């Protein structure tokens, strides 16, 4: 059970982190361009 909860928490954190990283990468690429 603990493994499943940990996996769900990691999955949620990952999906919250991805858009932030994507936005930051886009901003950095635009700045370099």
PDB file of N, CA and C in Angstrom:
ATOM      1  N   UNK A   1       0.844  -1.212   0.000  1.00  0.00           N
ATOM      2  CA  UNK A   1       0.000   0.000   0.000  1.00  0.00           C
ATOM      3  C   UNK A   1       0.872   1.254   0.000  1.00  0.00           C
ATOM      4  N   UNK A   2       1.905   1.259   0.833  1.00  0.00           N
ATOM      5  CA  UNK A   2       2.767   2.441   0.911  1.00  0.00           C
ATOM      6  C   UNK A   2       3.432   2.716  -0.441  1.00  0.00           C
ATOM      7  N   UNK A   3       3.828   1.638  -1.113  1.00  0.00           N
ATOM      8  CA  UNK A   3       4.463   1.811  -2.423  1.00  0.00           C
ATOM      9  C   UNK A   3       3.515   2.480  -3.416  1.00  0.00           C
ATOM     10  N   UNK A   4       2.242   2.072  -3.393  1.00  0.00           N
ATOM     11  CA  UNK A   4       1.268   2.653  -4.315  1.00  0.00           C
ATOM     12  C   UNK A   4       1.032   4.128  -3.995  1.00  0.00           C
ATOM     13  N   UNK A   5       0.951   4.447  -2.702  1.00  0.00           N
ATOM     14  CA  UNK A   5       0.739   5.846  -2.305  1.00  0.00           C
ATOM     15  C   UNK A   5       1.932   6.692  -2.729  1.00  0.00           C
ATOM     16  N   UNK A   6       3.135   6.156  -2.498  1.00  0.00           N
ATOM     17  CA  UNK A   6       4.337   6.901  -2.868  1.00  0.00           C
ATOM     18  C   UNK A   6       4.383   7.113  -4.378  1.00  0.00           C
ATOM     19  N   UNK A   7       4.002   6.066  -5.119  1.00  0.00           N
ATOM     20  CA  UNK A   7       4.005   6.173  -6.579  1.00  0.00           C
ATOM     21  C   UNK A   7       2.996   7.219  -7.036  1.00  0.00           C
ATOM     22  N   UNK A   8       1.814   7.248  -6.406  1.00  0.00           N
ATOM     23  CA  UNK A   8       0.795   8.231  -6.771  1.00  0.00           C
ATOM     24  C   UNK A   8       1.281   9.646  -6.463  1.00  0.00           C
ATOM     25  N   UNK A   9       1.944   9.820  -5.327  1.00  0.00           N
ATOM     26  CA  UNK A   9       2.450  11.141  -4.957  1.00  0.00           C
ATOM     27  C   UNK A   9       3.529  11.591  -5.940  1.00  0.00           C
ATOM     28  N   UNK A  10       4.422  10.673  -6.308  1.00  0.00           N
ATOM     29  CA  UNK A  10       5.470  11.011  -7.272  1.00  0.00           C
ATOM     30  C   UNK A  10       4.856  11.357  -8.622  1.00  0.00           C
ATOM     31  N   UNK A  11       3.840  10.592  -9.012  1.00  0.00           N
ATOM     32  CA  UNK A  11       3.182  10.833 -10.292  1.00  0.00           C
ATOM     33  C   UNK A  11       2.547  12.223 -10.316  1.00  0.00           C
ATOM     34  N   UNK A  12       1.871  12.583  -9.211  1.00  0.00           N
ATOM     35  CA  UNK A  12       1.226  13.897  -9.126  1.00  0.00           C
ATOM     36  C   UNK A  12       2.273  15.001  -9.145  1.00  0.00           C
ATOM     37  N   UNK A  13       3.345  14.824  -8.369  1.00  0.00           N
ATOM     38  CA  UNK A  13       4.403  15.835  -8.330  1.00  0.00           C
ATOM     39  C   UNK A  13       5.023  15.990  -9.716  1.00  0.00           C
ATOM     40  N   UNK A  14       5.212  14.861 -10.415  1.00  0.00           N
ATOM     41  CA  UNK A  14       5.797  14.894 -11.757  1.00  0.00           C
ATOM     42  C   UNK A  14       4.927  15.705 -12.706  1.00  0.00           C
ATOM     43  N   UNK A  15       3.607  15.451 -12.681  1.00  0.00           N
ATOM     44  CA  UNK A  15       2.715  16.156 -13.593  1.00  0.00           C
ATOM     45  C   UNK A  15       2.532  17.627 -13.218  1.00  0.00           C
ATOM     46  N   UNK A  16       2.803  17.971 -11.937  1.00  0.00           N
ATOM     47  CA  UNK A  16       2.764  19.387 -11.567  1.00  0.00           C
ATOM     48  C   UNK A  16       4.058  20.069 -11.997  1.00  0.00           C
ATOM     49  N   UNK A  17       5.155  19.306 -11.978  1.00  0.00           N
ATOM     50  CA  UNK A  17       6.466  19.873 -12.276  1.00  0.00           C
ATOM     51  C   UNK A  17       6.682  20.055 -13.772  1.00  0.00           C
ATOM     52  N   UNK A  18       6.179  19.121 -14.580  1.00  0.00           N
ATOM     53  CA  UNK A  18       6.429  19.163 -16.021  1.00  0.00           C
ATOM     54  C   UNK A  18       5.985  20.476 -16.678  1.00  0.00           C
ATOM     55  N   UNK A  19       4.747  20.963 -16.453  1.00  0.00           N
ATOM     56  CA  UNK A  19       4.351  22.226 -17.090  1.00  0.00           C
ATOM     57  C   UNK A  19       5.231  23.398 -16.665  1.00  0.00           C
ATOM     58  N   UNK A  20       5.664  23.415 -15.401  1.00  0.00           N
ATOM     59  CA  UNK A  20       6.523  24.501 -14.929  1.00  0.00           C
ATOM     60  C   UNK A  20       7.869  24.451 -15.639  1.00  0.00           C
ATOM     61  N   UNK A  21       8.449  23.253 -15.747  1.00  0.00           N
ATOM     62  CA  UNK A  21       9.724  23.107 -16.443  1.00  0.00           C
ATOM     63  C   UNK A  21       9.564  23.459 -17.911  1.00  0.00           C
ATOM     64  N   UNK A  22       8.460  23.051 -18.521  1.00  0.00           N
ATOM     65  CA  UNK A  22       8.221  23.326 -19.934  1.00  0.00           C
ATOM     66  C   UNK A  22       8.120  24.834 -20.170  1.00  0.00           C
ATOM     67  N   UNK A  23       7.379  25.527 -19.300  1.00  0.00           N
ATOM     68  CA  UNK A  23       7.231  26.974 -19.437  1.00  0.00           C
ATOM     69  C   UNK A  23       8.580  27.663 -19.266  1.00  0.00           C
ATOM     70  N   UNK A  24       9.368  27.203 -18.289  1.00  0.00           N
ATOM     71  CA  UNK A  24      10.665  27.811 -18.047  1.00  0.00           C
ATOM     72  C   UNK A  24      11.591  27.589 -19.235  1.00  0.00           C
ATOM     73  N   UNK A  25      11.543  26.387 -19.815  1.00  0.00           N
ATOM     74  CA  UNK A  25      12.388  26.068 -20.966  1.00  0.00           C
ATOM     75  C   UNK A  25      11.989  26.929 -22.159  1.00  0.00           C
ATOM     76  N   UNK A  26      10.677  27.126 -22.351  1.00  0.00           N
ATOM     77  CA  UNK A  26      10.208  27.960 -23.462  1.00  0.00           C
ATOM     78  C   UNK A  26      10.674  29.398 -23.278  1.00  0.00           C
ATOM     79  N   UNK A  27      10.580  29.893 -22.058  1.00  0.00           N
ATOM     80  CA  UNK A  27      11.022  31.265 -21.778  1.00  0.00           C
ATOM     81  C   UNK A  27      12.517  31.400 -22.027  1.00  0.00           C
ATOM     82  N   UNK A  28      13.299  30.409 -21.609  1.00  0.00           N
ATOM     83  CA  UNK A  28      14.748  30.450 -21.802  1.00  0.00           C
ATOM     84  C   UNK A  28      15.082  30.406 -23.290  1.00  0.00           C
ATOM     85  N   UNK A  29      14.388  29.558 -24.043  1.00  0.00           N
ATOM     86  CA  UNK A  29      14.642  29.444 -25.478  1.00  0.00           C
ATOM     87  C   UNK A  29      14.288  30.753 -26.178  1.00  0.00           C
ATOM     88  N   UNK A  30      13.198  31.371 -25.774  1.00  0.00           N
ATOM     89  CA  UNK A  30      12.785  32.628 -26.385  1.00  0.00           C
ATOM     90  C   UNK A  30      13.803  33.724 -26.065  1.00  0.00           C
ATOM     91  N   UNK A  31      14.344  33.689 -24.839  1.00  0.00           N
ATOM     92  CA  UNK A  31      15.312  34.696 -24.430  1.00  0.00           C
ATOM     93  C   UNK A  31      16.601  34.545 -25.248  1.00  0.00           C
ATOM     94  N   UNK A  32      17.020  33.282 -25.483  1.00  0.00           N
ATOM     95  CA  UNK A  32      18.237  33.041 -26.262  1.00  0.00           C
ATOM     96  C   UNK A  32      18.017  33.434 -27.718  1.00  0.00           C
ATOM     97  N   UNK A  33      16.810  33.252 -28.211  1.00  0.00           N
ATOM     98  CA  UNK A  33      16.503  33.575 -29.589  1.00  0.00           C
ATOM     99  C   UNK A  33      16.420  35.094 -29.721  1.00  0.00           C
TER     100      UNK A  33
END
